[in-house]
Amino acid sequence: MPGHRTKGFCASAAALALCAVLAGCGGSGESTGGGKVVLRYTWWGNPDRAARTEQAVALFEKQHPNVRVQTSFSGYDAYKQKLAIQATGGDAPDVMQLDYRQIDQYASGHVLLDLGKVKDTLRTGEIDAGLLATGRVNGRQFAIPQGRGTETLVYDVKTWKAAGVPLPARGWTWTQWADDMRELAKKTGKPGATDPGQSEDAFEVRLRGRGKALYTKDRRLGFTADDLTTWWTFTDKLRREGAVSPAEQTTQLDGSVENTPLGRGKATADFNWDAPSSGYVALVPTGVALAPMPSGEDGTPGQYFKPSMFLGIGAHTSHPKEAAALVDFLLNDSGAAKILGATRGIPVNETIRTRTASQLKDFDKTVSDFQASLEGSLKDPPQAPPSGDNALQTTFQRDYDQVSYQRMSPREAAQDYVTEAKAELRS
């Protein structure tokens, strides 16, 4: 199993909590008895991403013989929880992978190093200025985008074609998507897709296609309870019809592709981000393809290019220069780029992206071609969401669970969510 280098996170939630209190697990940036600097580097992802990352880290260690890197990875949901516990206890890793929705929270909470302090080691001149700006909070750079990604409908090609349903194409609407899911369910005897009602990301695409947004520029809620009621009424109806996955399957989602209905052979399609969808290749032997996200009924796209993830450095690392060297390597080294491919999205270093495009193969080429097909057709990405959104993703899923298990109506759940969201954003 990838990740053999790591000591890992503490073995249980209880042990993690104890580590937080005692600032345990060896501390960040410790040195070994042999005199090497030890860096802890953590990320979320699937086994394919982990295997490639291990290879890239081995190359970094070869180039920097004075540094040893301990690695750890897990599925997204578990990673979020572990990192939150470590951050609370002042024991954040030296180098960490971050989601768009974590940057404001961790920068404001003094978990992340101001990267201006390591600007001589960490090169950013080859990164698009607009993309780079998404890692800033209050004018200071706290994180660097590691890749460019976008949402997609990933689907089982053979099953979709065998059902006789027209393949999805750019410009299709949410109504057309729903009709296709109904038809797939009818022809295959299983849900057409994972229920997207639990996904804040899918809801955001739907909102943007209607000219709205999750958050306003002043970091308040950008939609109403009526907007959310409409979305959850739409997905709840599809679930009741059997067009999308039932509650028993949807509530097993944990951020990994292995536990999605598509990954388990219980659905034909799933909404996901393009690079992580590589994990479906090993799970769907008949092959998968990527399709654009549905548009608004008037054709307005809600989909956008965004930093697929970021790299940040722990504010309390004992070795900021070495940590910055690892980040710089992962972003700007051509050898690392060749190993990592598009597993974290298309490279943000423009020279490397151009140089490696023709070298991509297999699913990396699929991702690259998919993004190229969308160039010039999507709107600008939103600003990084406020820190409260990290907690609100969980609230969003929890409230929709109440709908999918028929304990609350879509309107009751939507009103509950909006009330909590407004309170969270004021805190």
Protein backbone atom coordinates (compact mmCIF):
# COMPACT_ATOMS: atom_id res chain seq x y z
CA MET A 1 0.00 0.00 0.00
CA PRO A 2 1.36 3.50 -0.86
CA GLY A 3 2.45 5.59 2.05
CA HIS A 4 4.94 3.08 3.42
CA ARG A 5 7.34 5.87 4.38
CA THR A 6 5.04 7.44 6.87
CA LYS A 7 4.71 7.05 10.59
CA GLY A 8 1.16 8.08 9.77
CA PHE A 9 -1.22 10.10 11.78
CA CYS A 10 -1.98 8.86 15.27
CA ALA A 11 -3.94 5.63 15.14
CA SER A 12 -7.31 6.81 16.42
CA ALA A 13 -9.34 9.92 17.10
CA ALA A 14 -8.55 9.59 20.79
CA ALA A 15 -4.85 9.33 20.10
CA LEU A 16 -5.08 12.28 17.73
CA ALA A 17 -6.73 14.38 20.38
CA LEU A 18 -3.96 13.45 22.81
CA CYS A 19 -1.37 14.38 20.20
CA ALA A 20 -3.05 17.76 19.81
CA VAL A 21 -2.91 18.42 23.53
CA LEU A 22 0.69 17.34 23.89
CA ALA A 23 1.79 18.63 20.47
CA GLY A 24 2.89 15.06 19.91
CA CYS A 25 3.50 12.82 16.92
CA GLY A 26 7.11 13.97 16.93
CA GLY A 27 6.43 17.63 16.26
CA SER A 28 6.78 19.43 12.93
CA GLY A 29 10.17 19.60 11.28
CA GLU A 30 12.08 17.33 13.65
CA SER A 31 15.66 16.19 12.92
CA THR A 32 16.86 12.61 13.03
CA GLY A 33 19.88 11.36 14.92
CA GLY A 34 21.69 11.09 11.58
CA GLY A 35 21.43 14.82 11.12
CA LYS A 36 18.81 14.82 8.34
CA VAL A 37 15.95 17.29 8.40
CA VAL A 38 12.63 15.43 8.61
CA LEU A 39 9.59 17.00 6.95
CA ARG A 40 6.03 15.76 7.30
CA TYR A 41 4.05 16.06 4.08
CA THR A 42 0.35 15.11 4.02
CA TRP A 43 -2.33 15.03 1.36
CA TRP A 44 -5.64 13.44 0.45
CA GLY A 45 -6.25 11.31 -2.59
CA ASN A 46 -6.58 7.87 -4.12
CA PRO A 47 -3.92 5.12 -4.38
CA ASP A 48 -2.88 6.29 -7.85
CA ARG A 49 -2.10 9.77 -6.56
CA ALA A 50 -0.29 8.31 -3.56
CA ALA A 51 1.91 6.03 -5.68
CA ARG A 52 2.95 8.90 -7.91
CA THR A 53 3.56 11.19 -4.95
CA GLU A 54 5.83 8.61 -3.34
CA GLN A 55 7.88 8.47 -6.54
CA ALA A 56 8.14 12.26 -6.70
CA VAL A 57 9.17 12.45 -3.03
CA ALA A 58 11.87 9.84 -3.65
CA LEU A 59 13.25 12.04 -6.44
CA PHE A 60 13.19 15.09 -4.14
CA GLU A 61 15.09 13.17 -1.45
CA LYS A 62 17.67 12.13 -4.03
CA GLN A 63 18.17 15.77 -5.01
CA HIS A 64 18.17 16.88 -1.34
CA PRO A 65 20.12 14.19 0.54
CA ASN A 66 19.94 16.20 3.76
CA VAL A 67 16.13 15.90 3.88
CA ARG A 68 13.86 12.96 4.63
CA VAL A 69 10.13 13.28 3.93
CA GLN A 70 7.53 11.39 5.93
CA THR A 71 4.32 11.09 3.94
CA SER A 72 0.72 10.39 4.86
CA PHE A 73 -2.50 10.35 2.87
CA SER A 74 -6.16 9.40 3.27
CA GLY A 75 -9.55 10.02 1.72
CA TYR A 76 -10.76 13.62 1.68
CA ASP A 77 -13.19 13.50 4.60
CA ALA A 78 -10.78 11.67 6.89
CA TYR A 79 -7.99 14.01 5.84
CA LYS A 80 -10.04 17.08 6.71
CA GLN A 81 -10.74 15.76 10.19
CA LYS A 82 -7.15 14.76 10.87
CA LEU A 83 -5.72 18.04 9.67
CA ALA A 84 -8.23 20.00 11.75
CA ILE A 85 -7.19 18.12 14.90
CA GLN A 86 -3.50 18.63 14.16
CA ALA A 87 -4.01 22.31 13.41
CA THR A 88 -5.97 22.84 16.62
CA GLY A 89 -3.14 21.29 18.61
CA GLY A 90 -0.40 23.34 16.96
CA ASP A 91 0.95 20.21 15.27
CA ALA A 92 0.21 20.94 11.60
CA PRO A 93 2.45 19.15 9.08
CA ASP A 94 5.40 20.98 7.55
CA VAL A 95 3.84 20.75 4.09
CA MET A 96 0.15 20.09 3.58
CA GLN A 97 -2.32 19.80 0.75
CA LEU A 98 -5.22 22.21 1.10
CA ASP A 99 -8.64 22.63 -0.42
CA TYR A 100 -9.92 25.97 -1.71
CA ARG A 101 -12.30 26.01 1.25
CA GLN A 102 -9.61 25.61 3.90
CA ILE A 103 -7.31 28.50 3.06
CA ASP A 104 -9.19 31.36 4.72
CA GLN A 105 -9.78 29.32 7.87
CA TYR A 106 -6.19 28.14 8.27
CA ALA A 107 -4.60 31.44 7.26
CA SER A 108 -6.80 33.39 9.65
CA GLY A 109 -6.15 30.78 12.35
CA HIS A 110 -2.35 31.20 12.08
CA VAL A 111 -1.90 27.61 10.89
CA LEU A 112 -0.20 28.58 7.62
CA LEU A 113 3.14 30.29 7.07
CA ASP A 114 3.16 33.61 5.24
CA LEU A 115 4.98 32.48 2.09
CA GLY A 116 6.49 35.91 1.64
CA LYS A 117 9.01 34.73 4.24
CA VAL A 118 10.35 32.05 1.88
CA LYS A 119 9.99 33.86 -1.45
CA ASP A 120 13.69 33.39 -2.24
CA THR A 121 13.21 29.60 -2.18
CA LEU A 122 9.68 29.30 -3.54
CA ARG A 123 9.36 30.42 -7.16
CA THR A 124 5.95 31.56 -8.44
CA GLY A 125 6.84 33.51 -11.59
CA GLU A 126 5.52 30.79 -13.92
CA ILE A 127 2.06 30.68 -12.35
CA ASP A 128 -0.85 32.68 -13.76
CA ALA A 129 -1.32 35.77 -11.60
CA GLY A 130 -5.07 35.28 -11.28
CA LEU A 131 -4.67 31.67 -10.25
CA LEU A 132 -1.92 32.54 -7.80
CA ALA A 133 -4.12 35.20 -6.19
CA THR A 134 -6.61 32.56 -5.05
CA GLY A 135 -4.10 31.56 -2.36
CA ARG A 136 -4.01 35.03 -0.78
CA VAL A 137 -5.78 36.20 2.34
CA ASN A 138 -5.73 39.88 3.27
CA GLY A 139 -3.08 40.54 0.64
CA ARG A 140 -0.60 37.89 1.81
CA GLN A 141 0.21 34.62 0.05
CA PHE A 142 -0.50 31.63 2.30
CA ALA A 143 -0.92 28.85 -0.25
CA ILE A 144 0.10 28.05 -3.82
CA PRO A 145 -2.21 26.35 -6.34
CA GLN A 146 -0.79 22.97 -7.33
CA GLY A 147 -3.06 22.21 -10.23
CA ARG A 148 -6.01 23.43 -12.26
CA GLY A 149 -9.14 21.35 -12.20
CA THR A 150 -12.82 21.45 -12.94
CA GLU A 151 -15.92 19.44 -12.14
CA THR A 152 -17.15 16.73 -14.44
CA LEU A 153 -19.72 14.03 -14.90
CA VAL A 154 -17.64 10.85 -15.03
CA TYR A 155 -19.52 7.91 -16.49
CA ASP A 156 -19.31 4.24 -17.41
CA VAL A 157 -18.99 4.49 -21.18
CA LYS A 158 -20.01 0.95 -22.08
CA THR A 159 -23.08 0.91 -19.85
CA TRP A 160 -24.24 4.35 -21.04
CA LYS A 161 -23.86 3.41 -24.70
CA ALA A 162 -25.54 0.03 -24.23
CA ALA A 163 -28.55 1.78 -22.71
CA GLY A 164 -29.04 3.67 -25.96
CA VAL A 165 -29.06 7.06 -24.22
CA PRO A 166 -27.37 9.89 -26.20
CA LEU A 167 -23.96 10.68 -24.74
CA PRO A 168 -23.71 13.94 -22.78
CA ALA A 169 -22.31 16.96 -24.62
CA ARG A 170 -21.36 20.53 -23.85
CA GLY A 171 -24.37 22.77 -23.34
CA TRP A 172 -26.74 20.13 -21.96
CA THR A 173 -28.98 21.39 -19.17
CA TRP A 174 -29.93 20.11 -15.73
CA THR A 175 -33.31 19.11 -17.14
CA GLN A 176 -31.63 17.04 -19.84
CA TRP A 177 -29.30 15.49 -17.26
CA ALA A 178 -32.29 14.48 -15.10
CA ASP A 179 -34.10 12.97 -18.08
CA ASP A 180 -30.98 10.99 -18.98
CA MET A 181 -30.66 9.67 -15.41
CA ARG A 182 -34.27 8.49 -15.52
CA GLU A 183 -33.69 6.76 -18.85
CA LEU A 184 -30.46 5.12 -17.66
CA ALA A 185 -32.20 3.83 -14.53
CA LYS A 186 -35.01 2.42 -16.65
CA LYS A 187 -32.63 0.69 -19.07
CA THR A 188 -30.00 -0.57 -16.58
CA GLY A 189 -32.10 -1.35 -13.53
CA LYS A 190 -29.87 0.77 -11.27
CA PRO A 191 -29.67 4.51 -10.47
CA GLY A 192 -28.27 6.64 -13.24
CA ALA A 193 -25.94 8.55 -10.91
CA THR A 194 -24.95 9.33 -7.36
CA ASP A 195 -27.52 11.63 -5.75
CA PRO A 196 -25.95 15.13 -6.11
CA GLY A 197 -28.24 16.64 -3.48
CA GLN A 198 -25.56 16.13 -0.82
CA SER A 199 -22.89 17.96 -2.84
CA GLU A 200 -22.32 21.64 -2.18
CA ASP A 201 -20.09 21.67 -5.27
CA ALA A 202 -22.91 20.48 -7.54
CA PHE A 203 -25.29 22.97 -5.94
CA GLU A 204 -22.79 25.76 -6.64
CA VAL A 205 -22.68 24.82 -10.33
CA ARG A 206 -26.49 24.88 -10.43
CA LEU A 207 -26.54 28.30 -8.72
CA ARG A 208 -23.94 29.82 -11.06
CA GLY A 209 -25.93 28.58 -14.04
CA ARG A 210 -28.79 30.66 -12.68
CA GLY A 211 -26.66 33.77 -12.19
CA LYS A 212 -26.18 33.33 -8.43
CA ALA A 213 -23.30 32.25 -6.18
CA LEU A 214 -22.64 30.45 -2.92
CA TYR A 215 -21.21 33.61 -1.35
CA THR A 216 -21.25 37.31 -2.00
CA LYS A 217 -18.08 39.40 -2.34
CA ASP A 218 -18.49 40.51 1.27
CA ARG A 219 -18.43 36.83 2.29
CA ARG A 220 -22.10 36.41 3.12
CA LEU A 221 -24.53 33.79 1.86
CA GLY A 222 -25.29 34.37 -1.83
CA PHE A 223 -28.53 32.38 -2.06
CA THR A 224 -31.83 32.01 -0.25
CA ALA A 225 -33.72 29.17 1.39
CA ASP A 226 -35.96 29.17 -1.69
CA ASP A 227 -32.94 28.50 -3.93
CA LEU A 228 -31.85 25.56 -1.80
CA THR A 229 -35.42 24.26 -1.51
CA THR A 230 -35.63 24.20 -5.30
CA TRP A 231 -32.40 22.21 -5.55
CA TRP A 232 -33.29 19.68 -2.88
CA THR A 233 -36.83 19.27 -4.22
CA PHE A 234 -35.30 18.53 -7.63
CA THR A 235 -32.84 15.89 -6.31
CA ASP A 236 -35.33 14.42 -3.81
CA LYS A 237 -37.79 13.76 -6.63
CA LEU A 238 -35.09 11.99 -8.65
CA ARG A 239 -34.16 9.85 -5.65
CA ARG A 240 -37.78 8.86 -5.05
CA GLU A 241 -38.03 7.86 -8.71
CA GLY A 242 -34.89 5.73 -8.47
CA ALA A 243 -33.04 7.90 -10.99
CA VAL A 244 -30.24 8.66 -8.49
CA SER A 245 -28.78 6.66 -5.60
CA PRO A 246 -30.86 5.87 -2.50
CA ALA A 247 -30.01 7.26 0.94
CA GLU A 248 -28.35 4.02 2.03
CA GLN A 249 -25.73 4.43 -0.70
CA THR A 250 -25.36 8.20 -0.61
CA THR A 251 -24.64 8.32 3.12
CA GLN A 252 -21.67 5.97 2.61
CA LEU A 253 -19.83 8.65 0.64
CA ASP A 254 -16.52 9.56 2.32
CA GLY A 255 -14.66 11.49 -0.35
CA SER A 256 -13.08 8.41 -1.95
CA VAL A 257 -14.12 7.09 -5.36
CA GLU A 258 -14.15 3.55 -4.00
CA ASN A 259 -17.24 4.23 -1.90
CA THR A 260 -19.30 5.99 -4.55
CA PRO A 261 -22.17 4.14 -6.24
CA LEU A 262 -20.28 4.34 -9.55
CA GLY A 263 -17.13 2.95 -7.94
CA ARG A 264 -19.12 0.11 -6.42
CA GLY A 265 -20.92 -0.74 -9.66
CA LYS A 266 -24.28 0.53 -8.40
CA ALA A 267 -24.66 3.55 -10.71
CA THR A 268 -23.63 4.62 -14.20
CA ALA A 269 -22.28 8.10 -13.44
CA ASP A 270 -21.03 10.44 -10.74
CA PHE A 271 -20.21 14.12 -10.34
CA ASN A 272 -16.59 14.54 -9.31
CA TRP A 273 -13.52 16.63 -10.03
CA ASP A 274 -11.61 15.68 -13.16
CA ALA A 275 -8.21 14.63 -11.76
CA PRO A 276 -9.49 12.47 -8.86
CA SER A 277 -11.71 10.68 -11.36
CA SER A 278 -8.60 8.71 -12.35
CA GLY A 279 -9.48 6.44 -9.44
CA TYR A 280 -12.49 5.13 -11.36
CA VAL A 281 -10.28 3.60 -14.05
CA ALA A 282 -9.35 0.66 -11.84
CA LEU A 283 -12.92 0.30 -10.57
CA VAL A 284 -14.77 0.43 -13.90
CA PRO A 285 -12.85 -1.95 -16.17
CA THR A 286 -15.08 -1.22 -19.16
CA GLY A 287 -13.83 2.38 -19.20
CA VAL A 288 -14.95 5.82 -18.10
CA ALA A 289 -15.28 9.17 -19.87
CA LEU A 290 -15.66 12.79 -18.73
CA ALA A 291 -18.53 15.09 -19.66
CA PRO A 292 -19.18 18.78 -18.92
CA MET A 293 -21.38 19.75 -16.00
CA PRO A 294 -24.99 20.61 -16.90
CA SER A 295 -25.69 24.27 -17.71
CA GLY A 296 -28.53 26.54 -16.73
CA GLU A 297 -31.71 26.23 -18.76
CA ASP A 298 -30.64 29.24 -20.87
CA GLY A 299 -27.22 27.72 -21.52
CA THR A 300 -25.34 29.70 -18.88
CA PRO A 301 -22.43 27.57 -17.63
CA GLY A 302 -22.03 27.15 -13.91
CA GLN A 303 -18.84 25.13 -14.24
CA TYR A 304 -15.47 26.88 -13.81
CA PHE A 305 -11.75 26.24 -13.67
CA LYS A 306 -10.43 26.42 -10.16
CA PRO A 307 -7.24 25.52 -8.35
CA SER A 308 -7.69 21.79 -7.86
CA MET A 309 -5.80 22.05 -4.59
CA PHE A 310 -3.09 24.07 -2.88
CA LEU A 311 0.15 23.51 -1.04
CA GLY A 312 0.81 25.31 2.22
CA ILE A 313 3.54 25.29 4.84
CA GLY A 314 2.87 24.97 8.56
CA ALA A 315 3.32 28.23 10.43
CA HIS A 316 5.30 26.50 13.17
CA THR A 317 7.63 24.39 11.02
CA SER A 318 11.19 24.26 12.30
CA HIS A 319 12.49 24.10 8.74
CA PRO A 320 10.70 26.67 6.55
CA LYS A 321 13.47 26.75 3.93
CA GLU A 322 13.42 22.97 3.39
CA ALA A 323 9.61 22.93 3.40
CA ALA A 324 9.60 25.67 0.77
CA ALA A 325 12.12 23.68 -1.27
CA LEU A 326 9.71 20.71 -1.28
CA VAL A 327 6.80 22.90 -2.39
CA ASP A 328 8.98 24.51 -5.08
CA PHE A 329 10.03 21.07 -6.30
CA LEU A 330 6.46 19.79 -6.55
CA LEU A 331 5.42 22.88 -8.51
CA ASN A 332 8.41 23.66 -10.69
CA ASP A 333 10.57 20.57 -11.20
CA SER A 334 10.16 18.96 -14.62
CA GLY A 335 10.98 15.51 -13.22
CA ALA A 336 8.28 15.84 -10.59
CA ALA A 337 5.81 17.04 -13.22
CA LYS A 338 6.51 14.00 -15.39
CA ILE A 339 5.84 11.66 -12.44
CA LEU A 340 2.76 13.44 -11.07
CA GLY A 341 1.11 14.01 -14.46
CA ALA A 342 -2.42 15.34 -14.04
CA THR A 343 -3.20 13.46 -10.84
CA ARG A 344 -3.64 16.79 -9.02
CA GLY A 345 -4.94 18.64 -12.03
CA ILE A 346 -3.16 20.20 -14.98
CA PRO A 347 0.19 21.76 -13.82
CA VAL A 348 0.05 25.44 -12.86
CA ASN A 349 3.61 26.17 -13.97
CA GLU A 350 2.93 27.44 -17.48
CA THR A 351 6.24 26.33 -18.98
CA ILE A 352 5.89 22.84 -17.54
CA ARG A 353 2.25 22.63 -18.62
CA THR A 354 3.21 23.43 -22.22
CA ARG A 355 6.21 21.13 -22.16
CA THR A 356 4.39 18.15 -20.70
CA ALA A 357 1.07 18.38 -22.58
CA SER A 358 2.31 16.23 -25.47
CA GLN A 359 3.82 13.71 -23.06
CA LEU A 360 0.61 12.98 -21.19
CA LYS A 361 -1.00 9.60 -21.72
CA ASP A 362 -3.83 7.45 -20.42
CA PHE A 363 -6.12 9.27 -17.98
CA ASP A 364 -3.78 12.25 -17.67
CA LYS A 365 -4.37 12.92 -21.37
CA THR A 366 -8.10 12.45 -20.81
CA VAL A 367 -8.07 15.22 -18.20
CA SER A 368 -5.93 17.50 -20.36
CA ASP A 369 -8.16 17.02 -23.41
CA PHE A 370 -11.28 17.53 -21.29
CA GLN A 371 -10.03 20.87 -19.98
CA ALA A 372 -8.91 21.93 -23.46
CA SER A 373 -12.45 21.27 -24.74
CA LEU A 374 -13.78 23.79 -22.22
CA GLU A 375 -11.28 26.60 -22.85
CA GLY A 376 -12.98 29.92 -23.48
CA SER A 377 -16.45 28.70 -22.54
CA LEU A 378 -16.42 29.01 -18.74
CA LYS A 379 -16.81 32.01 -16.48
CA ASP A 380 -14.21 33.23 -13.97
CA PRO A 381 -13.93 31.30 -10.70
CA PRO A 382 -15.35 32.74 -7.50
CA GLN A 383 -13.10 34.05 -4.77
CA ALA A 384 -12.02 31.55 -2.12
CA PRO A 385 -14.96 30.97 0.22
CA PRO A 386 -15.04 32.27 3.79
CA SER A 387 -13.62 30.11 6.54
CA GLY A 388 -17.05 29.03 7.76
CA ASP A 389 -17.66 27.12 4.54
CA ASN A 390 -15.39 24.30 5.64
CA ALA A 391 -17.82 23.47 8.45
CA LEU A 392 -20.85 24.23 6.30
CA GLN A 393 -19.97 21.48 3.83
CA THR A 394 -20.63 18.99 6.62
CA THR A 395 -23.82 20.81 7.61
CA PHE A 396 -24.96 20.74 3.99
CA GLN A 397 -24.56 16.95 3.81
CA ARG A 398 -26.14 16.43 7.23
CA ASP A 399 -29.24 18.42 6.36
CA TYR A 400 -29.65 16.66 3.05
CA ASP A 401 -29.41 13.32 4.83
CA GLN A 402 -32.56 14.37 6.67
CA VAL A 403 -34.25 14.85 3.30
CA SER A 404 -33.03 11.60 1.77
CA TYR A 405 -34.18 9.63 4.82
CA GLN A 406 -37.52 11.50 4.68
CA ARG A 407 -37.14 12.98 8.16
CA MET A 408 -37.45 16.55 6.88
CA SER A 409 -38.98 18.12 3.80
CA PRO A 410 -36.66 19.91 1.36
CA ARG A 411 -37.99 23.26 2.60
CA GLU A 412 -37.53 22.43 6.28
CA ALA A 413 -33.98 21.24 5.67
CA ALA A 414 -33.17 24.26 3.50
CA GLN A 415 -34.45 26.69 6.11
CA ASP A 416 -32.44 24.88 8.77
CA TYR A 417 -29.28 25.07 6.67
CA VAL A 418 -29.65 28.76 5.81
CA THR A 419 -30.22 29.65 9.46
CA GLU A 420 -27.09 27.77 10.54
CA ALA A 421 -25.06 29.10 7.63
CA LYS A 422 -25.84 32.71 8.44
CA ALA A 423 -24.88 32.13 12.08
CA GLU A 424 -21.64 30.38 11.08
CA LEU A 425 -20.65 33.19 8.72
CA ARG A 426 -21.27 35.82 11.41
CA SER A 427 -19.09 34.01 13.96
